[in-house]
Amino acid sequence: MKYTAKQYVDLMSYAGGVRPMFSELFGPIVGLDREWREQGATDEMIEMRGFAFDYVPYYQLGELDSIHRPKDVVIEDNDEYYIFIDHYGRKMKMVKATATIPLPQSYPVETMDDWLKIKHMFEYSDERITDEMLEKAIALQKNGTLIKSEILGGFDILRELMGEENCCVAFYDDEELVRDILDTISKTNVKVLEKITKYITIDQLSIHEDMAGKTAPLIGPNIVNEYLRPYYRASWDIVKDSGTKLFCQDSDGNMNQVIDAFIDCGVNIFYPCEPAGDMDIVRLREKYGHKIAFRGGIDKHVLRRTKEEIKAELDYKMQPKMMEGGIVFGLDHRIPNATPLENYIYYVNYAREKLGLEPYEKAEKGWGRMAF
């Protein structure tokens, strides 16, 4: 089912009047298409459209990433991988057969002088939010499209520029550098969002962090409160005062120790809620009630087990208390390799049954990526 922006906002803010969504947030991992074709999958199945998922169309308003970036330069390319220098100046390696994200081999920022060489890419300029962008967003919103703006993750951009280890150490050993990076980007965010809110109320503010592993986040609530809270609130307070209700954070891994700190930052939607990282959406609902909402939360690994285990996972995650709103049910990340197509079909139809929906084969086809 294609949701309107209002339906999505009402769902995620517990306003009532709309059933929970069931979607595929990310889609299949590299190589699964070949496996499924051998098992009889159609093109519509491979493209996810064939499973009649719920989705909401959305439009990204404003350019809040780095700009005036040099083009990527490939320095090695073979059958297994290619290596390139990206727009930040990082040396990156992409493994062709299995990867969806390249791995950094080096990082551009170690000192303040390094940062100053690329700082201009993060500063404000009028091309970040143009009249044409605003006019398009206003027209799309009238037709039910969700309008979102996405700011760079406060931890994520430091990690992208410095690497995880150097980033974590810099919070303690190079406060001046960390604050200059975050202050520069925050000033850009504020200027863009202030202009946006003069003309339109966006439906959602988004942020990407990916700052946790299986057992814990890479920084604790003390660092979130000291460094990230001012960065988050500078943007959130602007759009919230304009009427925006949703602030969504994407972070894999176990975020339990910092959820309260990020709630104080304004975040009220968390995804993808990986069970392998102890992000149990049922326990989180019991703890936080309607204070926060979720996307994802269903264990992707259960799809490679038995149908009885798939049923048990869905019975637990889709129990009555989870049907109150504030949820887009879906896998906690990409569909993993070795997932039998038969199991996936069972998963889709049993989830639909839990929502009182007809089998996907009888429903209107459609899908839109819900990782936003």
Protein backbone atom coordinates (compact mmCIF):
# COMPACT_ATOMS: atom_id res chain seq x y z
CA MET A 1 0.00 0.00 0.00
CA LYS A 2 1.20 3.46 -0.88
CA TYR A 3 0.91 5.68 2.18
CA THR A 4 0.60 9.44 2.09
CA ALA A 5 2.92 11.61 4.14
CA LYS A 6 0.08 12.38 6.54
CA GLN A 7 -0.69 8.71 7.05
CA TYR A 8 2.99 8.00 7.72
CA VAL A 9 3.36 10.91 10.14
CA ASP A 10 0.16 9.93 11.95
CA LEU A 11 1.39 6.34 12.23
CA MET A 12 4.84 7.24 13.55
CA SER A 13 3.51 9.86 15.98
CA TYR A 14 0.81 7.52 17.38
CA ALA A 15 -2.00 9.75 16.14
CA GLY A 16 -4.11 6.72 15.21
CA GLY A 17 -6.31 6.05 12.24
CA VAL A 18 -3.84 4.01 10.21
CA ARG A 19 -2.53 0.46 10.57
CA PRO A 20 1.18 -0.34 11.05
CA MET A 21 3.25 -0.59 7.89
CA PHE A 22 5.00 -3.73 6.69
CA SER A 23 7.90 -3.08 4.36
CA GLU A 24 11.35 -4.07 3.21
CA LEU A 25 13.64 -1.31 4.43
CA PHE A 26 16.81 -2.06 2.49
CA GLY A 27 16.25 -4.87 -0.01
CA PRO A 28 18.45 -7.89 -0.86
CA ILE A 29 22.17 -8.09 -0.23
CA VAL A 30 24.58 -8.53 -3.15
CA GLY A 31 24.29 -11.96 -4.73
CA LEU A 32 20.85 -12.90 -3.44
CA ASP A 33 19.29 -12.06 -6.79
CA ARG A 34 21.27 -14.88 -8.42
CA GLU A 35 20.24 -17.34 -5.72
CA TRP A 36 16.57 -16.41 -6.00
CA ARG A 37 16.51 -16.54 -9.80
CA GLU A 38 17.71 -20.12 -9.58
CA GLN A 39 14.72 -20.77 -7.28
CA GLY A 40 12.23 -19.26 -9.73
CA ALA A 41 12.03 -15.62 -8.63
CA THR A 42 10.53 -13.13 -11.07
CA ASP A 43 12.02 -9.74 -11.88
CA GLU A 44 9.32 -8.11 -9.74
CA MET A 45 10.37 -10.23 -6.78
CA ILE A 46 14.04 -9.34 -7.23
CA GLU A 47 13.08 -5.67 -7.40
CA MET A 48 10.85 -6.10 -4.30
CA ARG A 49 7.82 -4.64 -6.10
CA GLY A 50 6.24 -8.04 -6.46
CA PHE A 51 5.67 -8.45 -2.70
CA ALA A 52 3.15 -5.60 -2.35
CA PHE A 53 5.02 -3.86 0.47
CA ASP A 54 3.84 -0.70 2.18
CA TYR A 55 5.82 2.43 1.41
CA VAL A 56 5.64 6.20 1.39
CA PRO A 57 7.19 8.25 -1.44
CA TYR A 58 9.62 10.88 -0.18
CA TYR A 59 11.71 13.80 -1.39
CA GLN A 60 14.99 15.00 0.08
CA LEU A 61 14.90 18.79 0.49
CA GLY A 62 18.17 20.70 0.73
CA GLU A 63 21.77 19.67 0.14
CA LEU A 64 23.27 19.15 3.57
CA ASP A 65 26.14 16.87 2.60
CA SER A 66 29.53 18.12 1.43
CA ILE A 67 29.50 20.06 -1.86
CA HIS A 68 32.08 21.22 -4.43
CA ARG A 69 33.62 17.79 -4.12
CA PRO A 70 36.28 16.43 -6.44
CA LYS A 71 35.27 13.41 -8.50
CA ASP A 72 36.27 9.93 -7.40
CA VAL A 73 39.46 8.70 -9.06
CA VAL A 74 39.86 4.95 -9.69
CA ILE A 75 43.46 3.86 -9.20
CA GLU A 76 43.03 0.09 -9.53
CA ASP A 77 40.30 -2.09 -11.03
CA ASN A 78 40.23 -5.86 -11.41
CA ASP A 79 37.72 -8.73 -11.36
CA GLU A 80 37.61 -8.89 -7.54
CA TYR A 81 37.64 -5.26 -6.44
CA TYR A 82 38.41 -1.70 -7.35
CA ILE A 83 40.32 0.94 -5.37
CA PHE A 84 39.63 4.64 -5.68
CA ILE A 85 40.22 8.00 -4.04
CA ASP A 86 36.86 9.41 -2.99
CA HIS A 87 35.64 12.99 -2.69
CA TYR A 88 36.97 13.30 0.87
CA GLY A 89 40.42 12.15 -0.21
CA ARG A 90 40.07 8.69 1.31
CA LYS A 91 41.54 5.62 -0.34
CA MET A 92 38.59 3.20 -0.68
CA LYS A 93 38.28 -0.47 -1.62
CA MET A 94 35.07 -1.96 -3.02
CA VAL A 95 34.81 -5.75 -3.23
CA LYS A 96 32.57 -6.41 -6.23
CA ALA A 97 31.06 -9.78 -5.41
CA THR A 98 29.84 -9.16 -1.87
CA ALA A 99 30.00 -5.52 -0.78
CA THR A 100 27.50 -2.68 -0.99
CA ILE A 101 29.72 -0.14 0.80
CA PRO A 102 33.43 0.43 0.12
CA LEU A 103 35.92 0.10 2.97
CA PRO A 104 38.23 3.03 3.73
CA GLN A 105 41.95 2.29 3.57
CA SER A 106 42.97 5.77 4.75
CA TYR A 107 41.40 8.95 6.14
CA PRO A 108 41.96 12.61 5.24
CA VAL A 109 41.82 14.32 8.65
CA GLU A 110 44.37 13.85 11.39
CA THR A 111 45.07 17.48 12.29
CA MET A 112 43.37 20.86 12.16
CA ASP A 113 45.42 21.71 9.07
CA ASP A 114 44.02 18.62 7.32
CA TRP A 115 40.47 19.69 8.17
CA LEU A 116 41.00 23.24 6.95
CA LYS A 117 41.89 21.91 3.48
CA ILE A 118 38.40 20.42 3.03
CA LYS A 119 36.35 22.62 5.38
CA HIS A 120 34.95 24.63 2.47
CA MET A 121 33.01 21.56 1.28
CA PHE A 122 30.87 21.74 4.43
CA GLU A 123 30.25 25.47 4.60
CA TYR A 124 27.04 27.19 3.55
CA SER A 125 26.31 28.45 0.07
CA ASP A 126 23.00 29.41 -1.53
CA GLU A 127 23.06 26.43 -3.90
CA ARG A 128 22.33 24.17 -0.94
CA ILE A 129 18.69 25.28 -0.94
CA THR A 130 17.31 26.91 -4.07
CA ASP A 131 13.91 28.30 -5.04
CA GLU A 132 13.53 25.42 -7.48
CA MET A 133 14.05 22.87 -4.70
CA LEU A 134 11.48 24.60 -2.51
CA GLU A 135 8.91 24.88 -5.28
CA LYS A 136 9.28 21.18 -6.10
CA ALA A 137 8.93 20.20 -2.44
CA ILE A 138 5.82 22.34 -1.94
CA ALA A 139 4.18 20.81 -5.01
CA LEU A 140 5.09 17.24 -4.02
CA GLN A 141 3.88 17.71 -0.45
CA LYS A 142 0.47 18.79 -1.73
CA ASN A 143 0.27 15.45 -3.57
CA GLY A 144 1.09 13.40 -0.46
CA THR A 145 4.85 12.96 -0.83
CA LEU A 146 6.79 12.98 2.44
CA ILE A 147 9.30 15.84 2.57
CA LYS A 148 12.43 15.21 4.58
CA SER A 149 15.74 16.91 5.19
CA GLU A 150 18.77 14.90 6.28
CA ILE A 151 21.65 16.33 8.27
CA LEU A 152 25.04 14.63 8.48
CA GLY A 153 25.49 12.41 11.51
CA GLY A 154 27.55 14.10 14.22
CA PHE A 155 29.48 10.92 14.94
CA ASP A 156 29.22 9.55 11.42
CA ILE A 157 30.94 12.45 9.67
CA LEU A 158 33.77 12.48 12.21
CA ARG A 159 34.24 8.76 11.62
CA GLU A 160 34.16 9.25 7.85
CA LEU A 161 36.85 11.93 8.04
CA MET A 162 39.06 10.53 10.81
CA GLY A 163 38.34 6.82 11.14
CA GLU A 164 36.59 5.24 14.12
CA GLU A 165 39.58 4.96 16.44
CA ASN A 166 40.94 8.45 15.80
CA CYS A 167 37.46 9.89 16.03
CA CYS A 168 36.79 8.33 19.43
CA VAL A 169 40.17 9.45 20.77
CA ALA A 170 39.67 12.99 19.39
CA PHE A 171 36.70 13.58 21.69
CA TYR A 172 39.24 13.53 24.51
CA ASP A 173 42.51 14.60 22.89
CA ASP A 174 41.50 17.12 20.21
CA GLU A 175 38.36 18.89 21.38
CA GLU A 176 39.12 21.96 19.25
CA LEU A 177 39.14 19.94 16.03
CA VAL A 178 35.96 18.02 16.87
CA ARG A 179 34.09 21.18 17.81
CA ASP A 180 35.22 23.06 14.70
CA ILE A 181 33.99 20.25 12.43
CA LEU A 182 30.63 19.97 14.18
CA ASP A 183 30.16 23.74 14.51
CA THR A 184 30.91 24.28 10.82
CA ILE A 185 28.39 21.68 9.70
CA SER A 186 25.83 22.80 12.26
CA LYS A 187 25.95 26.40 11.00
CA THR A 188 25.28 25.11 7.49
CA ASN A 189 22.38 22.98 8.73
CA VAL A 190 20.86 25.90 10.56
CA LYS A 191 21.04 28.28 7.59
CA VAL A 192 19.50 25.73 5.23
CA LEU A 193 16.74 24.72 7.63
CA GLU A 194 15.92 28.31 8.54
CA LYS A 195 15.35 29.06 4.88
CA ILE A 196 13.32 25.89 4.37
CA THR A 197 11.01 26.59 7.30
CA LYS A 198 10.11 30.01 5.92
CA TYR A 199 8.29 28.26 3.09
CA ILE A 200 7.41 24.72 4.15
CA THR A 201 7.11 22.44 7.18
CA ILE A 202 9.09 19.32 6.45
CA ASP A 203 7.59 16.00 7.56
CA GLN A 204 10.77 14.44 8.92
CA LEU A 205 14.31 15.35 9.89
CA SER A 206 16.69 12.44 9.33
CA ILE A 207 20.21 11.61 10.47
CA HIS A 208 22.55 8.66 9.82
CA GLU A 209 25.04 7.53 12.48
CA ASP A 210 25.87 3.78 12.37
CA MET A 211 27.82 4.19 15.59
CA ALA A 212 27.39 0.85 17.37
CA GLY A 213 28.59 -2.72 17.27
CA LYS A 214 26.93 -5.89 18.50
CA THR A 215 27.42 -5.20 22.19
CA ALA A 216 27.57 -1.42 22.63
CA PRO A 217 27.84 1.98 20.94
CA LEU A 218 31.30 3.41 20.18
CA ILE A 219 30.63 6.44 22.38
CA GLY A 220 28.68 6.75 25.60
CA PRO A 221 25.93 9.09 26.76
CA ASN A 222 28.48 11.52 28.21
CA ILE A 223 29.95 12.18 24.75
CA VAL A 224 26.49 12.32 23.17
CA ASN A 225 25.39 14.92 25.71
CA GLU A 226 28.53 17.04 25.45
CA TYR A 227 29.18 17.01 21.71
CA LEU A 228 26.19 15.66 19.78
CA ARG A 229 23.27 17.09 21.73
CA PRO A 230 24.06 20.73 20.80
CA TYR A 231 24.57 19.66 17.18
CA TYR A 232 21.27 17.75 17.01
CA ARG A 233 19.21 20.34 18.88
CA ALA A 234 20.43 23.23 16.72
CA SER A 235 18.67 21.62 13.74
CA TRP A 236 15.79 19.85 15.46
CA ASP A 237 14.58 22.89 17.38
CA ILE A 238 14.24 24.86 14.13
CA VAL A 239 12.08 22.31 12.34
CA LYS A 240 10.18 21.29 15.47
CA ASP A 241 9.15 24.91 16.06
CA SER A 242 7.96 24.94 12.45
CA GLY A 243 5.68 21.96 13.11
CA THR A 244 7.81 18.93 12.18
CA LYS A 245 6.94 15.91 14.32
CA LEU A 246 9.47 13.25 13.32
CA PHE A 247 13.23 13.05 13.89
CA CYS A 248 14.60 9.72 12.66
CA GLN A 249 18.01 8.21 13.40
CA ASP A 250 19.59 5.35 11.44
CA SER A 251 22.16 3.44 13.46
CA ASP A 252 22.99 -0.24 13.29
CA GLY A 253 24.07 -2.20 16.34
CA ASN A 254 23.33 -1.99 20.06
CA MET A 255 22.22 1.56 20.88
CA ASN A 256 20.57 0.77 24.22
CA GLN A 257 23.07 2.68 26.34
CA VAL A 258 22.55 5.93 24.42
CA ILE A 259 18.84 5.85 23.53
CA ASP A 260 17.91 8.13 26.44
CA ALA A 261 20.65 10.59 25.48
CA PHE A 262 19.42 10.69 21.89
CA ILE A 263 15.82 11.14 23.02
CA ASP A 264 17.11 14.26 24.80
CA CYS A 265 18.62 15.25 21.44
CA GLY A 266 15.12 15.14 19.96
CA VAL A 267 15.20 11.75 18.20
CA ASN A 268 11.86 9.93 18.26
CA ILE A 269 12.33 7.23 15.57
CA PHE A 270 15.08 4.61 15.71
CA TYR A 271 15.98 2.07 13.03
CA PRO A 272 16.86 -0.60 11.96
CA CYS A 273 16.75 -2.07 15.52
CA GLU A 274 18.90 -5.17 15.05
CA PRO A 275 17.99 -8.09 17.35
CA ALA A 276 21.59 -9.37 17.05
CA GLY A 277 22.56 -6.09 18.73
CA ASP A 278 20.03 -6.62 21.52
CA MET A 279 17.67 -4.03 20.03
CA ASP A 280 14.42 -5.81 20.90
CA ILE A 281 11.54 -3.59 19.78
CA VAL A 282 9.09 -5.30 22.14
CA ARG A 283 11.25 -4.61 25.19
CA LEU A 284 11.91 -1.09 23.92
CA ARG A 285 8.17 -0.48 23.55
CA GLU A 286 7.65 -1.73 27.10
CA LYS A 287 10.34 0.63 28.38
CA TYR A 288 9.59 3.77 26.37
CA GLY A 289 5.92 3.43 25.46
CA HIS A 290 4.84 5.93 22.84
CA LYS A 291 7.86 8.19 23.40
CA ILE A 292 9.71 6.66 20.44
CA ALA A 293 8.84 4.77 17.25
CA PHE A 294 10.67 2.14 15.22
CA ARG A 295 11.35 0.85 11.75
CA GLY A 296 12.66 -2.68 11.22
CA GLY A 297 13.18 -4.87 14.27
CA ILE A 298 12.54 -8.30 12.68
CA ASP A 299 15.54 -10.63 12.77
CA LYS A 300 16.80 -11.08 9.21
CA HIS A 301 18.72 -14.23 10.18
CA VAL A 302 15.54 -16.11 11.11
CA LEU A 303 14.68 -16.26 7.39
CA ARG A 304 17.41 -18.87 6.93
CA ARG A 305 15.89 -21.13 9.60
CA THR A 306 12.59 -23.01 9.74
CA LYS A 307 9.12 -21.69 9.02
CA GLU A 308 8.22 -22.43 12.63
CA GLU A 309 11.01 -20.09 13.78
CA ILE A 310 9.90 -17.42 11.30
CA LYS A 311 6.35 -17.68 12.66
CA ALA A 312 7.58 -17.43 16.25
CA GLU A 313 9.60 -14.30 15.44
CA LEU A 314 6.61 -12.62 13.80
CA ASP A 315 4.20 -13.68 16.56
CA TYR A 316 6.53 -12.08 19.11
CA LYS A 317 7.37 -8.90 17.21
CA MET A 318 3.85 -8.32 15.84
CA GLN A 319 1.99 -8.90 19.10
CA PRO A 320 -0.98 -6.64 20.01
CA LYS A 321 1.01 -4.03 21.96
CA MET A 322 3.12 -3.44 18.82
CA MET A 323 0.03 -2.76 16.72
CA GLU A 324 -0.72 0.52 18.53
CA GLY A 325 1.25 2.59 16.03
CA GLY A 326 4.78 3.93 15.89
CA ILE A 327 6.09 1.03 13.82
CA VAL A 328 7.12 0.07 10.32
CA PHE A 329 7.60 -3.68 10.59
CA GLY A 330 10.49 -4.94 8.49
CA LEU A 331 13.78 -6.78 8.53
CA ASP A 332 16.57 -5.22 10.55
CA HIS A 333 18.77 -4.83 7.45
CA ARG A 334 19.33 -6.34 4.02
CA ILE A 335 17.93 -9.76 3.21
CA PRO A 336 20.91 -12.06 3.79
CA ASN A 337 22.43 -14.56 1.37
CA ALA A 338 21.19 -18.15 1.66
CA THR A 339 17.65 -16.96 2.43
CA PRO A 340 15.39 -19.47 0.63
CA LEU A 341 12.82 -17.76 -1.58
CA GLU A 342 10.19 -20.13 -0.17
CA ASN A 343 10.96 -18.91 3.36
CA TYR A 344 10.82 -15.28 2.31
CA ILE A 345 7.42 -15.78 0.67
CA TYR A 346 6.19 -17.46 3.87
CA TYR A 347 7.55 -14.55 5.92
CA VAL A 348 5.82 -11.94 3.75
CA ASN A 349 2.45 -13.64 3.73
CA TYR A 350 2.42 -14.52 7.42
CA ALA A 351 3.29 -10.91 8.33
CA ARG A 352 0.49 -9.73 6.06
CA GLU A 353 -1.87 -12.19 7.73
CA LYS A 354 -0.93 -10.74 11.13
CA LEU A 355 -1.99 -7.33 9.80
CA GLY A 356 -5.25 -8.68 8.41
CA LEU A 357 -4.12 -8.35 4.80
CA GLU A 358 -4.62 -10.68 1.86
CA PRO A 359 -1.64 -12.65 0.47
CA TYR A 360 0.77 -10.54 -1.55
CA GLU A 361 -0.12 -12.45 -4.72
CA LYS A 362 -3.60 -10.87 -4.63
CA ALA A 363 -2.50 -7.36 -3.63
CA GLU A 364 -1.41 -4.34 -5.63
CA LYS A 365 2.30 -4.48 -6.40
CA GLY A 366 4.62 -1.78 -5.15
CA TRP A 367 7.67 -0.94 -3.07
CA GLY A 368 9.73 2.06 -2.10
CA ARG A 369 12.94 1.81 -0.10
CA MET A 370 12.07 2.71 3.48
CA ALA A 371 15.59 3.31 4.78
CA PHE A 372 15.43 7.11 5.00
